[in-house]
Amino acid sequence: MLREPAELCVDNHGRVELPMGLLAEAGIAPGSDLPALSDGDGRIVLRRAEDAMRDLLERGEL
């Protein structure tokens, strides 16, 4: 199901606050470790640490 995009603002320190609803939909709890990477063209990808680790193990990169 497609959701309405959330309007976010980057503050003067480079921080962004993510709405709790957005985090809940993604299965991310407060205090979670989130590897982040630039996907180019203005996109930043956040992953749950356990999902990123599982993907690396499945691809044989660890």
PDB file of N, CA and C in Angstrom:
ATOM      1  N   MET A   1       0.843  -1.172   0.000  1.00  0.00           N
ATOM      2  CA  MET A   1       0.000   0.000   0.000  1.00  0.00           C
ATOM      3  C   MET A   1       0.896   1.246   0.000  1.00  0.00           C
ATOM      4  N   LEU A   2       0.602   2.206  -0.845  1.00  0.00           N
ATOM      5  CA  LEU A   2       1.373   3.443  -0.898  1.00  0.00           C
ATOM      6  C   LEU A   2       0.880   4.411   0.164  1.00  0.00           C
ATOM      7  N   ARG A   3       1.807   5.054   0.821  1.00  0.00           N
ATOM      8  CA  ARG A   3       1.486   6.032   1.869  1.00  0.00           C
ATOM      9  C   ARG A   3       1.828   7.426   1.367  1.00  0.00           C
ATOM     10  N   GLU A   4       1.237   8.408   2.015  1.00  0.00           N
ATOM     11  CA  GLU A   4       1.586   9.795   1.709  1.00  0.00           C
ATOM     12  C   GLU A   4       3.013  10.052   2.158  1.00  0.00           C
ATOM     13  N   PRO A   5       3.817  10.729   1.352  1.00  0.00           N
ATOM     14  CA  PRO A   5       5.178  11.036   1.796  1.00  0.00           C
ATOM     15  C   PRO A   5       5.157  12.010   2.975  1.00  0.00           C
ATOM     16  N   ALA A   6       6.127  11.868   3.843  1.00  0.00           N
ATOM     17  CA  ALA A   6       6.260  12.766   4.991  1.00  0.00           C
ATOM     18  C   ALA A   6       7.161  13.927   4.598  1.00  0.00           C
ATOM     19  N   GLU A   7       6.791  15.123   4.961  1.00  0.00           N
ATOM     20  CA  GLU A   7       7.634  16.303   4.739  1.00  0.00           C
ATOM     21  C   GLU A   7       8.625  16.393   5.887  1.00  0.00           C
ATOM     22  N   LEU A   8       9.914  16.337   5.578  1.00  0.00           N
ATOM     23  CA  LEU A   8      10.959  16.392   6.589  1.00  0.00           C
ATOM     24  C   LEU A   8      11.830  17.611   6.343  1.00  0.00           C
ATOM     25  N   CYS A   9      12.483  18.070   7.399  1.00  0.00           N
ATOM     26  CA  CYS A   9      13.367  19.221   7.293  1.00  0.00           C
ATOM     27  C   CYS A   9      14.727  18.868   7.900  1.00  0.00           C
ATOM     28  N   VAL A  10      15.783  19.198   7.196  1.00  0.00           N
ATOM     29  CA  VAL A  10      17.133  19.014   7.718  1.00  0.00           C
ATOM     30  C   VAL A  10      17.477  20.262   8.520  1.00  0.00           C
ATOM     31  N   ASP A  11      17.819  20.096   9.811  1.00  0.00           N
ATOM     32  CA  ASP A  11      18.129  21.270  10.624  1.00  0.00           C
ATOM     33  C   ASP A  11      19.566  21.742  10.376  1.00  0.00           C
ATOM     34  N   ASN A  12      19.970  22.783  11.060  1.00  0.00           N
ATOM     35  CA  ASN A  12      21.300  23.377  10.856  1.00  0.00           C
ATOM     36  C   ASN A  12      22.447  22.449  11.236  1.00  0.00           C
ATOM     37  N   HIS A  13      22.137  21.383  11.964  1.00  0.00           N
ATOM     38  CA  HIS A  13      23.153  20.418  12.369  1.00  0.00           C
ATOM     39  C   HIS A  13      23.118  19.166  11.490  1.00  0.00           C
ATOM     40  N   GLY A  14      22.301  19.171  10.432  1.00  0.00           N
ATOM     41  CA  GLY A  14      22.197  18.034   9.532  1.00  0.00           C
ATOM     42  C   GLY A  14      21.295  16.925  10.024  1.00  0.00           C
ATOM     43  N   ARG A  15      20.509  17.203  11.054  1.00  0.00           N
ATOM     44  CA  ARG A  15      19.628  16.180  11.622  1.00  0.00           C
ATOM     45  C   ARG A  15      18.246  16.241  10.990  1.00  0.00           C
ATOM     46  N   VAL A  16      17.621  15.073  10.921  1.00  0.00           N
ATOM     47  CA  VAL A  16      16.264  14.942  10.398  1.00  0.00           C
ATOM     48  C   VAL A  16      15.456  14.148  11.404  1.00  0.00           C
ATOM     49  N   GLU A  17      14.258  14.609  11.717  1.00  0.00           N
ATOM     50  CA  GLU A  17      13.362  13.883  12.611  1.00  0.00           C
ATOM     51  C   GLU A  17      12.394  13.079  11.761  1.00  0.00           C
ATOM     52  N   LEU A  18      12.298  11.771  12.029  1.00  0.00           N
ATOM     53  CA  LEU A  18      11.390  10.905  11.292  1.00  0.00           C
ATOM     54  C   LEU A  18      10.116  10.689  12.107  1.00  0.00           C
ATOM     55  N   PRO A  19       8.953  10.844  11.492  1.00  0.00           N
ATOM     56  CA  PRO A  19       7.696  10.634  12.224  1.00  0.00           C
ATOM     57  C   PRO A  19       7.570   9.190  12.701  1.00  0.00           C
ATOM     58  N   MET A  20       6.981   9.007  13.894  1.00  0.00           N
ATOM     59  CA  MET A  20       6.823   7.677  14.467  1.00  0.00           C
ATOM     60  C   MET A  20       6.020   6.758  13.545  1.00  0.00           C
ATOM     61  N   GLY A  21       5.003   7.285  12.869  1.00  0.00           N
ATOM     62  CA  GLY A  21       4.211   6.467  11.959  1.00  0.00           C
ATOM     63  C   GLY A  21       5.052   5.890  10.839  1.00  0.00           C
ATOM     64  N   LEU A  22       5.965   6.673  10.312  1.00  0.00           N
ATOM     65  CA  LEU A  22       6.857   6.227   9.248  1.00  0.00           C
ATOM     66  C   LEU A  22       7.789   5.131   9.755  1.00  0.00           C
ATOM     67  N   LEU A  23       8.326   5.337  10.958  1.00  0.00           N
ATOM     68  CA  LEU A  23       9.191   4.325  11.564  1.00  0.00           C
ATOM     69  C   LEU A  23       8.426   3.029  11.826  1.00  0.00           C
ATOM     70  N   ALA A  24       7.218   3.144  12.344  1.00  0.00           N
ATOM     71  CA  ALA A  24       6.411   1.958  12.647  1.00  0.00           C
ATOM     72  C   ALA A  24       6.111   1.168  11.376  1.00  0.00           C
ATOM     73  N   GLU A  25       5.754   1.854  10.295  1.00  0.00           N
ATOM     74  CA  GLU A  25       5.472   1.170   9.028  1.00  0.00           C
ATOM     75  C   GLU A  25       6.681   0.403   8.523  1.00  0.00           C
ATOM     76  N   ALA A  26       7.870   0.939   8.770  1.00  0.00           N
ATOM     77  CA  ALA A  26       9.108   0.308   8.308  1.00  0.00           C
ATOM     78  C   ALA A  26       9.622  -0.731   9.295  1.00  0.00           C
ATOM     79  N   GLY A  27       8.948  -0.883  10.437  1.00  0.00           N
ATOM     80  CA  GLY A  27       9.387  -1.851  11.434  1.00  0.00           C
ATOM     81  C   GLY A  27      10.636  -1.410  12.170  1.00  0.00           C
ATOM     82  N   ILE A  28      10.796  -0.101  12.336  1.00  0.00           N
ATOM     83  CA  ILE A  28      11.972   0.456  13.005  1.00  0.00           C
ATOM     84  C   ILE A  28      11.545   1.036  14.351  1.00  0.00           C
ATOM     85  N   ALA A  29      12.182   0.577  15.423  1.00  0.00           N
ATOM     86  CA  ALA A  29      11.861   1.047  16.769  1.00  0.00           C
ATOM     87  C   ALA A  29      12.805   2.172  17.169  1.00  0.00           C
ATOM     88  N   PRO A  30      12.353   3.081  18.056  1.00  0.00           N
ATOM     89  CA  PRO A  30      13.255   4.104  18.571  1.00  0.00           C
ATOM     90  C   PRO A  30      14.498   3.452  19.171  1.00  0.00           C
ATOM     91  N   GLY A  31      15.655   4.015  18.914  1.00  0.00           N
ATOM     92  CA  GLY A  31      16.916   3.486  19.414  1.00  0.00           C
ATOM     93  C   GLY A  31      17.558   2.458  18.497  1.00  0.00           C
ATOM     94  N   SER A  32      16.906   2.133  17.373  1.00  0.00           N
ATOM     95  CA  SER A  32      17.458   1.147  16.432  1.00  0.00           C
ATOM     96  C   SER A  32      18.695   1.692  15.742  1.00  0.00           C
ATOM     97  N   ASP A  33      19.644   0.797  15.457  1.00  0.00           N
ATOM     98  CA  ASP A  33      20.801   1.157  14.640  1.00  0.00           C
ATOM     99  C   ASP A  33      20.390   1.050  13.182  1.00  0.00           C
ATOM    100  N   LEU A  34      20.660   2.100  12.406  1.00  0.00           N
ATOM    101  CA  LEU A  34      20.268   2.136  11.000  1.00  0.00           C
ATOM    102  C   LEU A  34      21.461   2.468  10.121  1.00  0.00           C
ATOM    103  N   PRO A  35      22.025   1.477   9.440  1.00  0.00           N
ATOM    104  CA  PRO A  35      23.039   1.815   8.447  1.00  0.00           C
ATOM    105  C   PRO A  35      22.398   2.710   7.379  1.00  0.00           C
ATOM    106  N   ALA A  36      23.114   3.737   6.967  1.00  0.00           N
ATOM    107  CA  ALA A  36      22.599   4.672   5.963  1.00  0.00           C
ATOM    108  C   ALA A  36      23.607   4.787   4.836  1.00  0.00           C
ATOM    109  N   LEU A  37      23.086   4.899   3.624  1.00  0.00           N
ATOM    110  CA  LEU A  37      23.976   5.102   2.485  1.00  0.00           C
ATOM    111  C   LEU A  37      23.304   5.995   1.470  1.00  0.00           C
ATOM    112  N   SER A  38      24.116   6.690   0.706  1.00  0.00           N
ATOM    113  CA  SER A  38      23.605   7.516  -0.372  1.00  0.00           C
ATOM    114  C   SER A  38      23.349   6.622  -1.567  1.00  0.00           C
ATOM    115  N   ASP A  39      22.172   6.731  -2.131  1.00  0.00           N
ATOM    116  CA  ASP A  39      21.809   5.956  -3.315  1.00  0.00           C
ATOM    117  C   ASP A  39      21.889   6.844  -4.557  1.00  0.00           C
ATOM    118  N   GLY A  40      22.542   8.004  -4.403  1.00  0.00           N
ATOM    119  CA  GLY A  40      22.698   8.932  -5.522  1.00  0.00           C
ATOM    120  C   GLY A  40      21.408   9.664  -5.834  1.00  0.00           C
ATOM    121  N   ASP A  41      21.520  10.680  -6.646  1.00  0.00           N
ATOM    122  CA  ASP A  41      20.367  11.418  -7.156  1.00  0.00           C
ATOM    123  C   ASP A  41      19.422  11.887  -6.050  1.00  0.00           C
ATOM    124  N   GLY A  42      19.994  12.344  -4.923  1.00  0.00           N
ATOM    125  CA  GLY A  42      19.179  12.907  -3.857  1.00  0.00           C
ATOM    126  C   GLY A  42      18.506  11.903  -2.951  1.00  0.00           C
ATOM    127  N   ARG A  43      18.906  10.646  -3.007  1.00  0.00           N
ATOM    128  CA  ARG A  43      18.280   9.619  -2.177  1.00  0.00           C
ATOM    129  C   ARG A  43      19.228   9.124  -1.104  1.00  0.00           C
ATOM    130  N   ILE A  44      18.679   8.925   0.091  1.00  0.00           N
ATOM    131  CA  ILE A  44      19.406   8.314   1.199  1.00  0.00           C
ATOM    132  C   ILE A  44      18.606   7.096   1.626  1.00  0.00           C
ATOM    133  N   VAL A  45      19.274   5.959   1.757  1.00  0.00           N
ATOM    134  CA  VAL A  45      18.609   4.708   2.127  1.00  0.00           C
ATOM    135  C   VAL A  45      18.978   4.373   3.565  1.00  0.00           C
ATOM    136  N   LEU A  46      17.965   4.093   4.376  1.00  0.00           N
ATOM    137  CA  LEU A  46      18.146   3.638   5.753  1.00  0.00           C
ATOM    138  C   LEU A  46      17.684   2.188   5.803  1.00  0.00           C
ATOM    139  N   ARG A  47      18.453   1.326   6.466  1.00  0.00           N
ATOM    140  CA  ARG A  47      18.084  -0.086   6.603  1.00  0.00           C
ATOM    141  C   ARG A  47      18.140  -0.465   8.060  1.00  0.00           C
ATOM    142  N   ARG A  48      17.322  -1.413   8.453  1.00  0.00           N
ATOM    143  CA  ARG A  48      17.483  -1.994   9.781  1.00  0.00           C
ATOM    144  C   ARG A  48      18.796  -2.755   9.757  1.00  0.00           C
ATOM    145  N   ALA A  49      19.585  -2.633  10.814  1.00  0.00           N
ATOM    146  CA  ALA A  49      20.914  -3.253  10.855  1.00  0.00           C
ATOM    147  C   ALA A  49      20.830  -4.756  10.607  1.00  0.00           C
ATOM    148  N   GLU A  50      19.835  -5.417  11.205  1.00  0.00           N
ATOM    149  CA  GLU A  50      19.731  -6.867  11.032  1.00  0.00           C
ATOM    150  C   GLU A  50      19.409  -7.251   9.582  1.00  0.00           C
ATOM    151  N   ASP A  51      18.653  -6.413   8.867  1.00  0.00           N
ATOM    152  CA  ASP A  51      18.343  -6.689   7.466  1.00  0.00           C
ATOM    153  C   ASP A  51      19.573  -6.494   6.586  1.00  0.00           C
ATOM    154  N   ALA A  52      20.329  -5.448   6.863  1.00  0.00           N
ATOM    155  CA  ALA A  52      21.543  -5.192   6.084  1.00  0.00           C
ATOM    156  C   ALA A  52      22.549  -6.323   6.295  1.00  0.00           C
ATOM    157  N   MET A  53      22.692  -6.791   7.535  1.00  0.00           N
ATOM    158  CA  MET A  53      23.612  -7.888   7.844  1.00  0.00           C
ATOM    159  C   MET A  53      23.169  -9.168   7.158  1.00  0.00           C
ATOM    160  N   ARG A  54      21.868  -9.463   7.206  1.00  0.00           N
ATOM    161  CA  ARG A  54      21.339 -10.667   6.553  1.00  0.00           C
ATOM    162  C   ARG A  54      21.607 -10.630   5.051  1.00  0.00           C
ATOM    163  N   ASP A  55      21.401  -9.480   4.415  1.00  0.00           N
ATOM    164  CA  ASP A  55      21.657  -9.346   2.978  1.00  0.00           C
ATOM    165  C   ASP A  55      23.121  -9.610   2.647  1.00  0.00           C
ATOM    166  N   LEU A  56      24.030  -9.086   3.473  1.00  0.00           N
ATOM    167  CA  LEU A  56      25.455  -9.321   3.240  1.00  0.00           C
ATOM    168  C   LEU A  56      25.803 -10.798   3.386  1.00  0.00           C
ATOM    169  N   LEU A  57      25.232 -11.454   4.399  1.00  0.00           N
ATOM    170  CA  LEU A  57      25.492 -12.882   4.609  1.00  0.00           C
ATOM    171  C   LEU A  57      24.958 -13.711   3.444  1.00  0.00           C
ATOM    172  N   GLU A  58      23.772 -13.374   2.952  1.00  0.00           N
ATOM    173  CA  GLU A  58      23.176 -14.111   1.844  1.00  0.00           C
ATOM    174  C   GLU A  58      23.988 -13.949   0.562  1.00  0.00           C
ATOM    175  N   ARG A  59      24.603 -12.785   0.397  1.00  0.00           N
ATOM    176  CA  ARG A  59      25.431 -12.553  -0.808  1.00  0.00           C
ATOM    177  C   ARG A  59      26.856 -13.054  -0.628  1.00  0.00           C
ATOM    178  N   GLY A  60      27.177 -13.558   0.566  1.00  0.00           N
ATOM    179  CA  GLY A  60      28.504 -14.094   0.826  1.00  0.00           C
ATOM    180  C   GLY A  60      29.579 -13.028   0.965  1.00  0.00           C
ATOM    181  N   GLU A  61      29.171 -11.815   1.365  1.00  0.00           N
ATOM    182  CA  GLU A  61      30.150 -10.713   1.490  1.00  0.00           C
ATOM    183  C   GLU A  61      30.730 -10.629   2.893  1.00  0.00           C
ATOM    184  N   LEU A  62      30.303 -11.482   3.811  1.00  0.00           N
ATOM    185  CA  LEU A  62      30.875 -11.498   5.170  1.00  0.00           C
ATOM    186  C   LEU A  62      31.418 -12.851   5.482  1.00  0.00           C
TER     187      LEU A  62
END
